[in-house]
Amino acid sequence: MPILDAVLLFLAGFLSGAVNAVAGGGTFITFGAMTLAGLPPIVANATSSVTQFPGYITSTLAYWHDIKHFWRGALLLSLISALGALSGALILLGLDNPLFRALVPWLLLAATALFAAGPWLKPAPKPGHEAAVGSLVGSLAQFATAVYGGFFGAGMGVMMLATLGLTQSGDYHRLNALKNMLAVVIAAVAILVFVSGGVIAWLQAIIMIPGGALGGYAGVWIARRVPQNAVRGFVIAVGLFLAFYYFDKG
């Protein structure tokens, strides 16, 4: 691997970790860096899932106090999420790179729009001691979100928080904790499928993961000095750049 590509990937991992800590949207950066470094889009998408996975785990652990109160009830949604992620990941592996490349700009535009609308999609607080799970509408919405997460993933967190806010009870922090827990399930299942399909670029992932860890730590410093709207604007600009890059390549 050229040294410049390695530096690009490490910096992308760092930026991804930092923006995830401040505003979310790090998937745009990891996916974009790997495609610009020459990886096929399916490989870049699958490898990005690996680089984001440690952050999903640490976010879930940060909410462990809340999760302890409803984890038994969330098992049904976890199972539904696993089935949805399995479906989405298998659909991705069933495509060839040219077909997926044709879909990527549209997926990026949709994910960027979803991310931009994120502040308005945050659920309002709802009464209820615990987050209720298991309703038919909620289960179907979570399955659809998990299919998307297994297939592409960018903007999944915003989408899931919005659907949980519409279909579950509980305050924002409980819903966010549930979202983080389900994101771990979705990512884990998708990664297992991608590993079995041989579409993970492990060298690139190994370079990016330490950068993401350092970026997540630095995100605390950034959050105190850079307005969140500025970080969100940067992520939206990256998403739009990548979308038009793929439109031009197509």
Protein backbone atom coordinates (compact mmCIF):
# COMPACT_ATOMS: atom_id res chain seq x y z
CA MET A 1 0.00 0.00 0.00
CA PRO A 2 1.38 3.48 -0.88
CA ILE A 3 2.31 5.49 2.20
CA LEU A 4 0.01 8.33 1.13
CA ASP A 5 -2.97 5.95 1.06
CA ALA A 6 -2.06 4.71 4.55
CA VAL A 7 -1.88 8.28 5.84
CA LEU A 8 -5.20 9.12 4.16
CA LEU A 9 -6.90 6.12 5.76
CA PHE A 10 -5.48 6.82 9.23
CA LEU A 11 -6.58 10.46 9.04
CA ALA A 12 -10.00 9.38 7.80
CA GLY A 13 -10.29 7.03 10.77
CA PHE A 14 -9.31 9.88 13.08
CA LEU A 15 -11.84 12.28 11.55
CA SER A 16 -14.51 9.59 11.62
CA GLY A 17 -14.00 8.97 15.33
CA ALA A 18 -13.99 12.69 16.06
CA VAL A 19 -17.17 13.55 14.16
CA ASN A 20 -18.95 10.50 15.59
CA ALA A 21 -18.12 11.77 19.06
CA VAL A 22 -19.44 15.25 18.28
CA ALA A 23 -22.27 14.87 15.77
CA GLY A 24 -22.26 11.43 14.13
CA GLY A 25 -21.80 10.68 10.44
CA GLY A 26 -18.34 9.14 10.53
CA THR A 27 -19.34 6.44 8.03
CA PHE A 28 -19.32 9.04 5.25
CA ILE A 29 -15.65 9.71 5.91
CA THR A 30 -14.45 6.10 6.21
CA PHE A 31 -16.42 4.97 3.16
CA GLY A 32 -15.24 7.95 1.12
CA ALA A 33 -11.58 7.55 2.04
CA MET A 34 -11.55 3.88 1.09
CA THR A 35 -13.22 4.50 -2.26
CA LEU A 36 -10.81 7.35 -3.01
CA ALA A 37 -7.95 4.97 -2.09
CA GLY A 38 -9.16 2.63 -4.82
CA LEU A 39 -11.21 0.00 -2.98
CA PRO A 40 -14.32 -1.30 -4.80
CA PRO A 41 -17.50 0.21 -3.29
CA ILE A 42 -18.81 -3.07 -1.84
CA VAL A 43 -15.46 -3.71 -0.11
CA ALA A 44 -15.32 -0.11 1.13
CA ASN A 45 -18.85 -0.36 2.51
CA ALA A 46 -18.19 -3.69 4.25
CA THR A 47 -14.84 -2.56 5.68
CA SER A 48 -16.42 0.65 6.95
CA SER A 49 -18.73 -1.50 9.09
CA VAL A 50 -15.67 -3.03 10.75
CA THR A 51 -14.06 0.35 11.44
CA GLN A 52 -17.27 1.72 13.01
CA PHE A 53 -17.98 -1.33 15.18
CA PRO A 54 -15.72 -0.43 18.17
CA GLY A 55 -17.52 2.90 18.45
CA TYR A 56 -20.90 1.17 18.58
CA ILE A 57 -19.68 -0.99 21.45
CA THR A 58 -18.26 1.90 23.49
CA SER A 59 -21.45 3.92 22.94
CA THR A 60 -23.50 1.00 24.21
CA LEU A 61 -21.30 0.57 27.27
CA ALA A 62 -21.71 4.27 28.04
CA TYR A 63 -25.46 3.66 28.33
CA TRP A 64 -25.16 0.38 30.24
CA HIS A 65 -26.92 1.78 33.32
CA ASP A 66 -30.02 2.50 31.19
CA ILE A 67 -29.80 -0.73 29.21
CA LYS A 68 -29.86 -2.85 32.38
CA HIS A 69 -33.44 -1.72 32.98
CA PHE A 70 -34.89 -2.91 29.66
CA TRP A 71 -32.46 -5.35 28.02
CA ARG A 72 -34.77 -8.36 28.46
CA GLY A 73 -37.60 -6.59 26.68
CA ALA A 74 -35.23 -5.43 23.94
CA LEU A 75 -34.24 -8.98 23.01
CA LEU A 76 -37.16 -9.21 20.56
CA LEU A 77 -36.00 -6.08 18.73
CA SER A 78 -32.46 -7.44 18.80
CA LEU A 79 -33.63 -10.63 17.07
CA ILE A 80 -35.58 -8.61 14.52
CA SER A 81 -32.52 -6.42 13.97
CA ALA A 82 -30.32 -9.49 13.43
CA LEU A 83 -32.71 -10.87 10.81
CA GLY A 84 -32.94 -7.50 9.07
CA ALA A 85 -29.17 -6.99 9.07
CA LEU A 86 -28.68 -10.51 7.72
CA SER A 87 -31.10 -9.78 4.88
CA GLY A 88 -29.48 -6.45 4.04
CA ALA A 89 -25.93 -7.82 4.11
CA LEU A 90 -26.90 -10.79 1.92
CA ILE A 91 -28.58 -8.44 -0.56
CA LEU A 92 -25.34 -6.44 -0.73
CA LEU A 93 -23.25 -9.54 -1.38
CA GLY A 94 -25.70 -10.56 -4.11
CA LEU A 95 -24.87 -7.40 -6.08
CA ASP A 96 -21.82 -6.85 -8.25
CA ASN A 97 -19.67 -3.74 -7.85
CA PRO A 98 -20.94 -1.95 -11.00
CA LEU A 99 -24.56 -2.30 -9.88
CA PHE A 100 -23.79 -1.23 -6.32
CA ARG A 101 -21.70 1.68 -7.66
CA ALA A 102 -24.77 2.87 -9.59
CA LEU A 103 -26.80 2.80 -6.35
CA VAL A 104 -24.17 4.50 -4.18
CA PRO A 105 -24.78 8.17 -5.16
CA TRP A 106 -28.51 7.79 -4.51
CA LEU A 107 -27.83 6.05 -1.19
CA LEU A 108 -25.38 8.80 -0.24
CA LEU A 109 -27.86 11.55 -1.13
CA ALA A 110 -30.59 9.88 0.92
CA ALA A 111 -28.26 9.31 3.86
CA THR A 112 -26.96 12.90 3.68
CA ALA A 113 -30.51 14.27 3.65
CA LEU A 114 -31.37 12.05 6.60
CA PHE A 115 -28.28 13.21 8.49
CA ALA A 116 -29.04 16.87 7.72
CA ALA A 117 -32.56 16.41 9.05
CA GLY A 118 -31.26 14.65 12.15
CA PRO A 119 -31.78 17.53 14.63
CA TRP A 120 -35.45 17.69 13.64
CA LEU A 121 -35.90 13.91 13.81
CA LYS A 122 -34.84 13.53 17.43
CA PRO A 123 -37.73 12.06 19.39
CA ALA A 124 -39.54 14.21 21.90
CA PRO A 125 -39.59 12.90 25.48
CA LYS A 126 -42.42 10.43 26.13
CA PRO A 127 -43.81 9.28 29.43
CA GLY A 128 -43.08 5.76 30.55
CA HIS A 129 -40.69 4.19 33.02
CA GLU A 130 -39.22 1.82 30.47
CA ALA A 131 -38.92 1.83 26.71
CA ALA A 132 -41.76 -0.35 25.48
CA VAL A 133 -40.75 -2.79 22.76
CA GLY A 134 -42.43 -5.44 20.67
CA SER A 135 -45.30 -3.61 18.95
CA LEU A 136 -46.05 -4.73 15.40
CA VAL A 137 -45.42 -1.30 13.88
CA GLY A 138 -42.22 -0.90 15.89
CA SER A 139 -41.01 -4.34 14.89
CA LEU A 140 -41.63 -3.71 11.18
CA ALA A 141 -39.95 -0.30 11.35
CA GLN A 142 -36.92 -1.78 13.11
CA PHE A 143 -36.68 -4.61 10.58
CA ALA A 144 -36.64 -2.10 7.69
CA THR A 145 -34.00 0.00 9.44
CA ALA A 146 -31.88 -3.08 10.09
CA VAL A 147 -32.10 -4.14 6.44
CA TYR A 148 -30.80 -0.71 5.48
CA GLY A 149 -28.08 -0.90 8.14
CA GLY A 150 -26.89 -4.28 6.91
CA PHE A 151 -26.95 -3.10 3.30
CA PHE A 152 -25.33 0.34 3.56
CA GLY A 153 -25.31 1.80 7.07
CA ALA A 154 -24.62 5.51 6.55
CA GLY A 155 -27.28 7.44 8.46
CA MET A 156 -28.54 4.29 10.17
CA GLY A 157 -28.30 5.80 13.66
CA VAL A 158 -30.39 8.84 12.76
CA MET A 159 -32.96 6.66 11.01
CA MET A 160 -33.20 4.24 13.92
CA LEU A 161 -33.53 6.96 16.54
CA ALA A 162 -36.32 8.56 14.52
CA THR A 163 -38.27 5.31 14.09
CA LEU A 164 -37.81 4.31 17.72
CA GLY A 165 -39.08 7.73 18.76
CA LEU A 166 -42.24 7.18 16.74
CA THR A 167 -42.92 3.60 17.84
CA GLN A 168 -41.51 3.20 21.38
CA SER A 169 -42.04 4.88 24.72
CA GLY A 170 -39.34 6.22 27.00
CA ASP A 171 -37.29 9.41 27.19
CA TYR A 172 -34.57 10.38 24.73
CA HIS A 173 -31.72 8.77 26.64
CA ARG A 174 -33.53 5.42 26.93
CA LEU A 175 -34.29 5.47 23.22
CA ASN A 176 -30.70 6.40 22.40
CA ALA A 177 -29.45 3.56 24.61
CA LEU A 178 -31.78 1.14 22.81
CA LYS A 179 -30.56 2.47 19.47
CA ASN A 180 -26.92 1.89 20.43
CA MET A 181 -27.66 -1.65 21.60
CA LEU A 182 -29.46 -2.51 18.35
CA ALA A 183 -26.69 -0.90 16.27
CA VAL A 184 -24.20 -3.35 17.83
CA VAL A 185 -26.43 -6.27 16.80
CA ILE A 186 -26.88 -4.97 13.24
CA ALA A 187 -23.18 -4.27 12.75
CA ALA A 188 -22.09 -7.61 14.26
CA VAL A 189 -24.37 -9.65 11.99
CA ALA A 190 -23.40 -7.64 8.91
CA ILE A 191 -19.69 -8.04 9.69
CA LEU A 192 -20.06 -11.81 10.06
CA VAL A 193 -21.73 -11.97 6.64
CA PHE A 194 -19.08 -9.74 5.08
CA VAL A 195 -16.25 -11.76 6.61
CA SER A 196 -17.75 -15.01 5.33
CA GLY A 197 -18.12 -13.37 1.91
CA GLY A 198 -14.46 -12.33 1.89
CA VAL A 199 -15.18 -8.64 1.22
CA ILE A 200 -13.31 -7.08 4.17
CA ALA A 201 -10.08 -5.21 3.40
CA TRP A 202 -8.33 -6.07 6.67
CA LEU A 203 -5.16 -4.04 6.11
CA GLN A 204 -7.17 -0.86 5.54
CA ALA A 205 -9.37 -1.65 8.54
CA ILE A 206 -6.35 -2.19 10.81
CA ILE A 207 -4.94 1.18 9.76
CA MET A 208 -8.20 3.03 10.35
CA ILE A 209 -9.32 1.56 13.67
CA PRO A 210 -6.52 3.13 15.81
CA GLY A 211 -7.18 6.44 14.08
CA GLY A 212 -10.84 6.14 14.99
CA ALA A 213 -9.98 5.42 18.62
CA LEU A 214 -7.75 8.50 18.82
CA GLY A 215 -10.36 10.58 17.01
CA GLY A 216 -13.05 9.52 19.46
CA TYR A 217 -10.87 10.67 22.33
CA ALA A 218 -10.06 13.94 20.56
CA GLY A 219 -13.74 14.45 19.87
CA VAL A 220 -14.21 15.52 23.48
CA TRP A 221 -11.67 18.32 22.94
CA ILE A 222 -13.28 19.25 19.61
CA ALA A 223 -16.78 19.30 21.11
CA ARG A 224 -15.68 21.96 23.58
CA ARG A 225 -14.19 24.24 20.92
CA VAL A 226 -16.00 23.66 17.60
CA PRO A 227 -19.76 24.27 17.25
CA GLN A 228 -21.67 21.08 16.53
CA ASN A 229 -23.33 22.75 13.55
CA ALA A 230 -19.91 23.31 11.98
CA VAL A 231 -19.06 19.62 12.35
CA ARG A 232 -22.46 18.63 10.95
CA GLY A 233 -21.89 20.99 8.01
CA PHE A 234 -18.55 19.32 7.32
CA VAL A 235 -20.14 15.86 7.31
CA ILE A 236 -22.96 17.02 5.00
CA ALA A 237 -20.38 18.53 2.63
CA VAL A 238 -18.48 15.22 2.58
CA GLY A 239 -21.69 13.30 1.85
CA LEU A 240 -22.62 15.63 -1.02
CA PHE A 241 -19.08 15.53 -2.43
CA LEU A 242 -19.09 11.73 -2.45
CA ALA A 243 -22.55 11.59 -4.01
CA PHE A 244 -21.57 13.87 -6.89
CA TYR A 245 -18.22 12.07 -7.20
CA TYR A 246 -20.07 8.81 -7.82
CA PHE A 247 -22.55 10.49 -10.17
CA ASP A 248 -19.59 11.78 -12.18
CA LYS A 249 -17.86 8.37 -12.15
CA GLY A 250 -21.05 6.68 -13.26
